[in-house]
Amino acid sequence: MQLSKDVKPISYLKAKTAEVIKEVQNRKNIIITQNGEAKAVICDIKSFENLQNSITMLKLIIQSENDIENGQIFNQDEMFDSLEKKIFE
């Protein structure tokens, strides 16, 4: 990413919204500034979804690591037995 090309003032966004959308559809993030400060990042929907999925996966990994540290683990047979009881009973 070349920040010098990817940083745009909010006036640019207002004047050239369609152009900005075309840029982000090519997987290019645009940083929007207001009064000289970065205020927002515009990205395409697929990149946003991937980011959200990555965050969710990281949260699950952290939760799993915490469960292991706290001894809250089940062996595979116990887990499947528990699931079968919930599903079939």
PDB file of N, CA and C in Angstrom:
ATOM      1  N   MET A   1       0.848  -1.171   0.000  1.00  0.00           N
ATOM      2  CA  MET A   1       0.000   0.000   0.000  1.00  0.00           C
ATOM      3  C   MET A   1       0.891   1.231   0.000  1.00  0.00           C
ATOM      4  N   GLN A   2       0.603   2.126  -0.917  1.00  0.00           N
ATOM      5  CA  GLN A   2       1.307   3.399  -0.944  1.00  0.00           C
ATOM      6  C   GLN A   2       0.408   4.440  -0.284  1.00  0.00           C
ATOM      7  N   LEU A   3       0.716   4.731   0.966  1.00  0.00           N
ATOM      8  CA  LEU A   3      -0.162   5.624   1.723  1.00  0.00           C
ATOM      9  C   LEU A   3      -0.323   6.989   1.069  1.00  0.00           C
ATOM     10  N   SER A   4       0.704   7.476   0.420  1.00  0.00           N
ATOM     11  CA  SER A   4       0.594   8.805  -0.188  1.00  0.00           C
ATOM     12  C   SER A   4      -0.498   8.844  -1.253  1.00  0.00           C
ATOM     13  N   LYS A   5      -0.747   7.724  -1.905  1.00  0.00           N
ATOM     14  CA  LYS A   5      -1.804   7.667  -2.923  1.00  0.00           C
ATOM     15  C   LYS A   5      -3.138   7.229  -2.338  1.00  0.00           C
ATOM     16  N   ASP A   6      -3.104   6.563  -1.193  1.00  0.00           N
ATOM     17  CA  ASP A   6      -4.316   5.992  -0.622  1.00  0.00           C
ATOM     18  C   ASP A   6      -4.964   6.859   0.453  1.00  0.00           C
ATOM     19  N   VAL A   7      -4.366   7.992   0.772  1.00  0.00           N
ATOM     20  CA  VAL A   7      -4.934   8.909   1.755  1.00  0.00           C
ATOM     21  C   VAL A   7      -5.614  10.048   1.004  1.00  0.00           C
ATOM     22  N   LYS A   8      -6.901  10.223   1.293  1.00  0.00           N
ATOM     23  CA  LYS A   8      -7.680  11.252   0.603  1.00  0.00           C
ATOM     24  C   LYS A   8      -8.469  12.067   1.624  1.00  0.00           C
ATOM     25  N   PRO A   9      -8.623  13.363   1.380  1.00  0.00           N
ATOM     26  CA  PRO A   9      -9.454  14.170   2.279  1.00  0.00           C
ATOM     27  C   PRO A   9     -10.932  13.864   2.063  1.00  0.00           C
ATOM     28  N   ILE A  10     -11.730  14.178   3.040  1.00  0.00           N
ATOM     29  CA  ILE A  10     -13.157  13.899   2.950  1.00  0.00           C
ATOM     30  C   ILE A  10     -13.793  14.635   1.766  1.00  0.00           C
ATOM     31  N   SER A  11     -13.246  15.775   1.394  1.00  0.00           N
ATOM     32  CA  SER A  11     -13.775  16.513   0.238  1.00  0.00           C
ATOM     33  C   SER A  11     -13.619  15.695  -1.049  1.00  0.00           C
ATOM     34  N   TYR A  12     -12.539  14.921  -1.141  1.00  0.00           N
ATOM     35  CA  TYR A  12     -12.331  14.045  -2.298  1.00  0.00           C
ATOM     36  C   TYR A  12     -13.419  12.981  -2.341  1.00  0.00           C
ATOM     37  N   LEU A  13     -13.725  12.411  -1.187  1.00  0.00           N
ATOM     38  CA  LEU A  13     -14.788  11.401  -1.107  1.00  0.00           C
ATOM     39  C   LEU A  13     -16.125  11.988  -1.520  1.00  0.00           C
ATOM     40  N   LYS A  14     -16.419  13.178  -1.049  1.00  0.00           N
ATOM     41  CA  LYS A  14     -17.688  13.828  -1.392  1.00  0.00           C
ATOM     42  C   LYS A  14     -17.794  14.107  -2.886  1.00  0.00           C
ATOM     43  N   ALA A  15     -16.700  14.545  -3.482  1.00  0.00           N
ATOM     44  CA  ALA A  15     -16.712  14.940  -4.889  1.00  0.00           C
ATOM     45  C   ALA A  15     -16.602  13.750  -5.845  1.00  0.00           C
ATOM     46  N   LYS A  16     -15.937  12.686  -5.406  1.00  0.00           N
ATOM     47  CA  LYS A  16     -15.647  11.577  -6.320  1.00  0.00           C
ATOM     48  C   LYS A  16     -15.996  10.228  -5.707  1.00  0.00           C
ATOM     49  N   THR A  17     -17.189  10.122  -5.175  1.00  0.00           N
ATOM     50  CA  THR A  17     -17.604   8.894  -4.498  1.00  0.00           C
ATOM     51  C   THR A  17     -17.548   7.692  -5.433  1.00  0.00           C
ATOM     52  N   ALA A  18     -18.041   7.835  -6.649  1.00  0.00           N
ATOM     53  CA  ALA A  18     -18.045   6.709  -7.600  1.00  0.00           C
ATOM     54  C   ALA A  18     -16.621   6.244  -7.897  1.00  0.00           C
ATOM     55  N   GLU A  19     -15.706   7.176  -8.031  1.00  0.00           N
ATOM     56  CA  GLU A  19     -14.304   6.830  -8.295  1.00  0.00           C
ATOM     57  C   GLU A  19     -13.691   6.086  -7.105  1.00  0.00           C
ATOM     58  N   VAL A  20     -14.012   6.527  -5.909  1.00  0.00           N
ATOM     59  CA  VAL A  20     -13.513   5.861  -4.703  1.00  0.00           C
ATOM     60  C   VAL A  20     -14.040   4.433  -4.647  1.00  0.00           C
ATOM     61  N   ILE A  21     -15.300   4.254  -4.962  1.00  0.00           N
ATOM     62  CA  ILE A  21     -15.884   2.905  -4.945  1.00  0.00           C
ATOM     63  C   ILE A  21     -15.185   2.012  -5.962  1.00  0.00           C
ATOM     64  N   LYS A  22     -14.891   2.533  -7.138  1.00  0.00           N
ATOM     65  CA  LYS A  22     -14.150   1.743  -8.132  1.00  0.00           C
ATOM     66  C   LYS A  22     -12.777   1.352  -7.610  1.00  0.00           C
ATOM     67  N   GLU A  23     -12.109   2.264  -6.921  1.00  0.00           N
ATOM     68  CA  GLU A  23     -10.784   1.975  -6.372  1.00  0.00           C
ATOM     69  C   GLU A  23     -10.847   0.867  -5.328  1.00  0.00           C
ATOM     70  N   VAL A  24     -11.828   0.921  -4.446  1.00  0.00           N
ATOM     71  CA  VAL A  24     -11.895  -0.099  -3.397  1.00  0.00           C
ATOM     72  C   VAL A  24     -12.368  -1.437  -3.940  1.00  0.00           C
ATOM     73  N   GLN A  25     -13.080  -1.446  -5.044  1.00  0.00           N
ATOM     74  CA  GLN A  25     -13.484  -2.722  -5.652  1.00  0.00           C
ATOM     75  C   GLN A  25     -12.271  -3.484  -6.176  1.00  0.00           C
ATOM     76  N   ASN A  26     -11.179  -2.805  -6.406  1.00  0.00           N
ATOM     77  CA  ASN A  26      -9.927  -3.433  -6.824  1.00  0.00           C
ATOM     78  C   ASN A  26      -9.064  -3.811  -5.625  1.00  0.00           C
ATOM     79  N   ARG A  27      -9.700  -4.005  -4.468  1.00  0.00           N
ATOM     80  CA  ARG A  27      -9.022  -4.406  -3.238  1.00  0.00           C
ATOM     81  C   ARG A  27      -8.025  -3.375  -2.752  1.00  0.00           C
ATOM     82  N   LYS A  28      -8.335  -2.129  -2.969  1.00  0.00           N
ATOM     83  CA  LYS A  28      -7.474  -1.041  -2.510  1.00  0.00           C
ATOM     84  C   LYS A  28      -8.204  -0.288  -1.398  1.00  0.00           C
ATOM     85  N   ASN A  29      -7.591  -0.170  -0.245  1.00  0.00           N
ATOM     86  CA  ASN A  29      -8.187   0.572   0.857  1.00  0.00           C
ATOM     87  C   ASN A  29      -7.884   2.054   0.695  1.00  0.00           C
ATOM     88  N   ILE A  30      -8.850   2.875   1.052  1.00  0.00           N
ATOM     89  CA  ILE A  30      -8.683   4.324   0.993  1.00  0.00           C
ATOM     90  C   ILE A  30      -8.831   4.870   2.414  1.00  0.00           C
ATOM     91  N   ILE A  31      -7.865   5.652   2.834  1.00  0.00           N
ATOM     92  CA  ILE A  31      -7.917   6.294   4.152  1.00  0.00           C
ATOM     93  C   ILE A  31      -8.476   7.694   3.949  1.00  0.00           C
ATOM     94  N   ILE A  32      -9.527   8.013   4.684  1.00  0.00           N
ATOM     95  CA  ILE A  32     -10.181   9.316   4.579  1.00  0.00           C
ATOM     96  C   ILE A  32      -9.757  10.176   5.767  1.00  0.00           C
ATOM     97  N   THR A  33      -9.338  11.404   5.445  1.00  0.00           N
ATOM     98  CA  THR A  33      -8.933  12.330   6.497  1.00  0.00           C
ATOM     99  C   THR A  33      -9.954  13.455   6.639  1.00  0.00           C
ATOM    100  N   GLN A  34     -10.000  13.998   7.826  1.00  0.00           N
ATOM    101  CA  GLN A  34     -10.840  15.164   8.106  1.00  0.00           C
ATOM    102  C   GLN A  34     -10.010  16.088   8.985  1.00  0.00           C
ATOM    103  N   ASN A  35      -9.865  17.317   8.545  1.00  0.00           N
ATOM    104  CA  ASN A  35      -9.027  18.288   9.252  1.00  0.00           C
ATOM    105  C   ASN A  35      -7.608  17.758   9.462  1.00  0.00           C
ATOM    106  N   GLY A  36      -7.098  17.051   8.453  1.00  0.00           N
ATOM    107  CA  GLY A  36      -5.726  16.560   8.492  1.00  0.00           C
ATOM    108  C   GLY A  36      -5.495  15.304   9.310  1.00  0.00           C
ATOM    109  N   GLU A  37      -6.542  14.738   9.906  1.00  0.00           N
ATOM    110  CA  GLU A  37      -6.401  13.533  10.716  1.00  0.00           C
ATOM    111  C   GLU A  37      -7.130  12.375  10.062  1.00  0.00           C
ATOM    112  N   ALA A  38      -6.531  11.188  10.103  1.00  0.00           N
ATOM    113  CA  ALA A  38      -7.188   9.994   9.577  1.00  0.00           C
ATOM    114  C   ALA A  38      -8.434   9.709  10.403  1.00  0.00           C
ATOM    115  N   LYS A  39      -9.575   9.545   9.720  1.00  0.00           N
ATOM    116  CA  LYS A  39     -10.841   9.331  10.422  1.00  0.00           C
ATOM    117  C   LYS A  39     -11.538   8.038  10.030  1.00  0.00           C
ATOM    118  N   ALA A  40     -11.272   7.529   8.812  1.00  0.00           N
ATOM    119  CA  ALA A  40     -11.983   6.338   8.356  1.00  0.00           C
ATOM    120  C   ALA A  40     -11.161   5.618   7.300  1.00  0.00           C
ATOM    121  N   VAL A  41     -11.463   4.335   7.139  1.00  0.00           N
ATOM    122  CA  VAL A  41     -10.874   3.540   6.070  1.00  0.00           C
ATOM    123  C   VAL A  41     -12.023   2.944   5.273  1.00  0.00           C
ATOM    124  N   ILE A  42     -11.952   3.068   3.975  1.00  0.00           N
ATOM    125  CA  ILE A  42     -12.968   2.491   3.096  1.00  0.00           C
ATOM    126  C   ILE A  42     -12.336   1.298   2.393  1.00  0.00           C
ATOM    127  N   CYS A  43     -13.019   0.167   2.441  1.00  0.00           N
ATOM    128  CA  CYS A  43     -12.513  -1.042   1.778  1.00  0.00           C
ATOM    129  C   CYS A  43     -13.677  -1.761   1.103  1.00  0.00           C
ATOM    130  N   ASP A  44     -13.346  -2.714   0.238  1.00  0.00           N
ATOM    131  CA  ASP A  44     -14.397  -3.477  -0.433  1.00  0.00           C
ATOM    132  C   ASP A  44     -15.029  -4.452   0.560  1.00  0.00           C
ATOM    133  N   ILE A  45     -16.219  -4.914   0.240  1.00  0.00           N
ATOM    134  CA  ILE A  45     -16.993  -5.753   1.163  1.00  0.00           C
ATOM    135  C   ILE A  45     -16.314  -7.083   1.430  1.00  0.00           C
ATOM    136  N   LYS A  46     -15.680  -7.675   0.427  1.00  0.00           N
ATOM    137  CA  LYS A  46     -15.018  -8.968   0.613  1.00  0.00           C
ATOM    138  C   LYS A  46     -13.856  -8.837   1.598  1.00  0.00           C
ATOM    139  N   SER A  47     -13.072  -7.780   1.466  1.00  0.00           N
ATOM    140  CA  SER A  47     -11.973  -7.553   2.413  1.00  0.00           C
ATOM    141  C   SER A  47     -12.509  -7.348   3.824  1.00  0.00           C
ATOM    142  N   PHE A  48     -13.619  -6.620   3.935  1.00  0.00           N
ATOM    143  CA  PHE A  48     -14.230  -6.389   5.241  1.00  0.00           C
ATOM    144  C   PHE A  48     -14.713  -7.709   5.847  1.00  0.00           C
ATOM    145  N   GLU A  49     -15.378  -8.542   5.037  1.00  0.00           N
ATOM    146  CA  GLU A  49     -15.844  -9.841   5.520  1.00  0.00           C
ATOM    147  C   GLU A  49     -14.668 -10.710   5.961  1.00  0.00           C
ATOM    148  N   ASN A  50     -13.596 -10.712   5.175  1.00  0.00           N
ATOM    149  CA  ASN A  50     -12.411 -11.493   5.538  1.00  0.00           C
ATOM    150  C   ASN A  50     -11.813 -11.001   6.847  1.00  0.00           C
ATOM    151  N   LEU A  51     -11.780  -9.696   7.033  1.00  0.00           N
ATOM    152  CA  LEU A  51     -11.275  -9.121   8.269  1.00  0.00           C
ATOM    153  C   LEU A  51     -12.131  -9.551   9.460  1.00  0.00           C
ATOM    154  N   GLN A  52     -13.448  -9.477   9.303  1.00  0.00           N
ATOM    155  CA  GLN A  52     -14.354  -9.876  10.381  1.00  0.00           C
ATOM    156  C   GLN A  52     -14.198 -11.363  10.704  1.00  0.00           C
ATOM    157  N   ASN A  53     -14.066 -12.192   9.665  1.00  0.00           N
ATOM    158  CA  ASN A  53     -13.875 -13.627   9.884  1.00  0.00           C
ATOM    159  C   ASN A  53     -12.559 -13.908  10.586  1.00  0.00           C
ATOM    160  N   SER A  54     -11.522 -13.177  10.223  1.00  0.00           N
ATOM    161  CA  SER A  54     -10.220 -13.345  10.874  1.00  0.00           C
ATOM    162  C   SER A  54     -10.295 -12.974  12.350  1.00  0.00           C
ATOM    163  N   ILE A  55     -10.975 -11.893  12.648  1.00  0.00           N
ATOM    164  CA  ILE A  55     -11.136 -11.469  14.044  1.00  0.00           C
ATOM    165  C   ILE A  55     -11.899 -12.526  14.831  1.00  0.00           C
ATOM    166  N   THR A  56     -12.950 -13.072  14.245  1.00  0.00           N
ATOM    167  CA  THR A  56     -13.731 -14.118  14.910  1.00  0.00           C
ATOM    168  C   THR A  56     -12.868 -15.341  15.184  1.00  0.00           C
ATOM    169  N   MET A  57     -12.063 -15.746  14.201  1.00  0.00           N
ATOM    170  CA  MET A  57     -11.184 -16.902  14.391  1.00  0.00           C
ATOM    171  C   MET A  57     -10.166 -16.639  15.502  1.00  0.00           C
ATOM    172  N   LEU A  58      -9.599 -15.446  15.533  1.00  0.00           N
ATOM    173  CA  LEU A  58      -8.641 -15.117  16.591  1.00  0.00           C
ATOM    174  C   LEU A  58      -9.294 -15.148  17.969  1.00  0.00           C
ATOM    175  N   LYS A  59     -10.529 -14.668  18.060  1.00  0.00           N
ATOM    176  CA  LYS A  59     -11.251 -14.718  19.338  1.00  0.00           C
ATOM    177  C   LYS A  59     -11.471 -16.160  19.780  1.00  0.00           C
ATOM    178  N   LEU A  60     -11.818 -17.047  18.823  1.00  0.00           N
ATOM    179  CA  LEU A  60     -12.025 -18.454  19.152  1.00  0.00           C
ATOM    180  C   LEU A  60     -10.722 -19.119  19.602  1.00  0.00           C
ATOM    181  N   ILE A  61      -9.624 -18.758  18.968  1.00  0.00           N
ATOM    182  CA  ILE A  61      -8.327 -19.310  19.363  1.00  0.00           C
ATOM    183  C   ILE A  61      -7.983 -18.870  20.776  1.00  0.00           C
ATOM    184  N   ILE A  62      -8.181 -17.589  21.077  1.00  0.00           N
ATOM    185  CA  ILE A  62      -7.898 -17.078  22.425  1.00  0.00           C
ATOM    186  C   ILE A  62      -8.781 -17.766  23.456  1.00  0.00           C
ATOM    187  N   GLN A  63     -10.065 -17.930  23.122  1.00  0.00           N
ATOM    188  CA  GLN A  63     -10.983 -18.601  24.042  1.00  0.00           C
ATOM    189  C   GLN A  63     -10.542 -20.051  24.272  1.00  0.00           C
ATOM    190  N   SER A  64     -10.119 -20.719  23.208  1.00  0.00           N
ATOM    191  CA  SER A  64      -9.658 -22.101  23.331  1.00  0.00           C
ATOM    192  C   SER A  64      -8.405 -22.186  24.195  1.00  0.00           C
ATOM    193  N   GLU A  65      -7.467 -21.264  23.990  1.00  0.00           N
ATOM    194  CA  GLU A  65      -6.249 -21.255  24.800  1.00  0.00           C
ATOM    195  C   GLU A  65      -6.573 -21.023  26.275  1.00  0.00           C
ATOM    196  N   ASN A  66      -7.514 -20.133  26.536  1.00  0.00           N
ATOM    197  CA  ASN A  66      -7.924 -19.883  27.926  1.00  0.00           C
ATOM    198  C   ASN A  66      -8.576 -21.114  28.536  1.00  0.00           C
ATOM    199  N   ASP A  67      -9.408 -21.812  27.758  1.00  0.00           N
ATOM    200  CA  ASP A  67     -10.046 -23.037  28.252  1.00  0.00           C
ATOM    201  C   ASP A  67      -8.994 -24.092  28.594  1.00  0.00           C
ATOM    202  N   ILE A  68      -7.978 -24.227  27.744  1.00  0.00           N
ATOM    203  CA  ILE A  68      -6.913 -25.202  27.996  1.00  0.00           C
ATOM    204  C   ILE A  68      -6.153 -24.837  29.268  1.00  0.00           C
ATOM    205  N   GLU A  69      -5.812 -23.558  29.420  1.00  0.00           N
ATOM    206  CA  GLU A  69      -5.088 -23.111  30.613  1.00  0.00           C
ATOM    207  C   GLU A  69      -5.895 -23.349  31.884  1.00  0.00           C
ATOM    208  N   ASN A  70      -7.225 -23.223  31.794  1.00  0.00           N
ATOM    209  CA  ASN A  70      -8.089 -23.390  32.962  1.00  0.00           C
ATOM    210  C   ASN A  70      -8.552 -24.827  33.145  1.00  0.00           C
ATOM    211  N   GLY A  71      -8.031 -25.741  32.337  1.00  0.00           N
ATOM    212  CA  GLY A  71      -8.370 -27.158  32.478  1.00  0.00           C
ATOM    213  C   GLY A  71      -9.769 -27.501  32.012  1.00  0.00           C
ATOM    214  N   GLN A  72     -10.382 -26.627  31.250  1.00  0.00           N
ATOM    215  CA  GLN A  72     -11.744 -26.877  30.759  1.00  0.00           C
ATOM    216  C   GLN A  72     -11.666 -27.565  29.393  1.00  0.00           C
ATOM    217  N   ILE A  73     -11.239 -28.818  29.446  1.00  0.00           N
ATOM    218  CA  ILE A  73     -11.089 -29.574  28.201  1.00  0.00           C
ATOM    219  C   ILE A  73     -11.839 -30.897  28.314  1.00  0.00           C
ATOM    220  N   PHE A  74     -12.219 -31.443  27.170  1.00  0.00           N
ATOM    221  CA  PHE A  74     -12.906 -32.725  27.088  1.00  0.00           C
ATOM    222  C   PHE A  74     -12.165 -33.578  26.067  1.00  0.00           C
ATOM    223  N   ASN A  75     -12.131 -34.867  26.311  1.00  0.00           N
ATOM    224  CA  ASN A  75     -11.557 -35.697  25.269  1.00  0.00           C
ATOM    225  C   ASN A  75     -12.608 -35.901  24.173  1.00  0.00           C
ATOM    226  N   GLN A  76     -12.182 -36.398  23.057  1.00  0.00           N
ATOM    227  CA  GLN A  76     -13.051 -36.483  21.884  1.00  0.00           C
ATOM    228  C   GLN A  76     -14.285 -37.336  22.151  1.00  0.00           C
ATOM    229  N   ASP A  77     -14.130 -38.464  22.806  1.00  0.00           N
ATOM    230  CA  ASP A  77     -15.271 -39.354  23.071  1.00  0.00           C
ATOM    231  C   ASP A  77     -16.311 -38.669  23.949  1.00  0.00           C
ATOM    232  N   GLU A  78     -15.849 -37.946  24.982  1.00  0.00           N
ATOM    233  CA  GLU A  78     -16.780 -37.223  25.858  1.00  0.00           C
ATOM    234  C   GLU A  78     -17.546 -36.158  25.085  1.00  0.00           C
ATOM    235  N   MET A  79     -16.853 -35.467  24.215  1.00  0.00           N
ATOM    236  CA  MET A  79     -17.495 -34.401  23.458  1.00  0.00           C
ATOM    237  C   MET A  79     -18.565 -34.958  22.527  1.00  0.00           C
ATOM    238  N   PHE A  80     -18.241 -36.039  21.800  1.00  0.00           N
ATOM    239  CA  PHE A  80     -19.218 -36.619  20.884  1.00  0.00           C
ATOM    240  C   PHE A  80     -20.393 -37.239  21.628  1.00  0.00           C
ATOM    241  N   ASP A  81     -20.128 -37.860  22.780  1.00  0.00           N
ATOM    242  CA  ASP A  81     -21.219 -38.412  23.590  1.00  0.00           C
ATOM    243  C   ASP A  81     -22.156 -37.293  24.041  1.00  0.00           C
ATOM    244  N   SER A  82     -21.597 -36.198  24.473  1.00  0.00           N
ATOM    245  CA  SER A  82     -22.392 -35.047  24.904  1.00  0.00           C
ATOM    246  C   SER A  82     -23.229 -34.492  23.762  1.00  0.00           C
ATOM    247  N   LEU A  83     -22.628 -34.364  22.576  1.00  0.00           N
ATOM    248  CA  LEU A  83     -23.369 -33.869  21.423  1.00  0.00           C
ATOM    249  C   LEU A  83     -24.493 -34.809  21.014  1.00  0.00           C
ATOM    250  N   GLU A  84     -24.223 -36.115  21.027  1.00  0.00           N
ATOM    251  CA  GLU A  84     -25.258 -37.078  20.662  1.00  0.00           C
ATOM    252  C   GLU A  84     -26.435 -37.015  21.624  1.00  0.00           C
ATOM    253  N   LYS A  85     -26.168 -36.849  22.904  1.00  0.00           N
ATOM    254  CA  LYS A  85     -27.245 -36.752  23.881  1.00  0.00           C
ATOM    255  C   LYS A  85     -28.100 -35.512  23.608  1.00  0.00           C
ATOM    256  N   LYS A  86     -27.455 -34.392  23.308  1.00  0.00           N
ATOM    257  CA  LYS A  86     -28.195 -33.166  23.051  1.00  0.00           C
ATOM    258  C   LYS A  86     -29.023 -33.271  21.772  1.00  0.00           C
ATOM    259  N   ILE A  87     -28.499 -33.930  20.771  1.00  0.00           N
ATOM    260  CA  ILE A  87     -29.174 -34.012  19.475  1.00  0.00           C
ATOM    261  C   ILE A  87     -30.278 -35.063  19.473  1.00  0.00           C
ATOM    262  N   PHE A  88     -30.015 -36.232  20.042  1.00  0.00           N
ATOM    263  CA  PHE A  88     -30.935 -37.353  19.874  1.00  0.00           C
ATOM    264  C   PHE A  88     -31.816 -37.623  21.081  1.00  0.00           C
ATOM    265  N   GLU A  89     -31.620 -36.922  22.145  1.00  0.00           N
ATOM    266  CA  GLU A  89     -32.482 -37.195  23.323  1.00  0.00           C
ATOM    267  C   GLU A  89     -33.404 -36.043  23.590  1.00  0.00           C
TER     268      GLU A  89
END
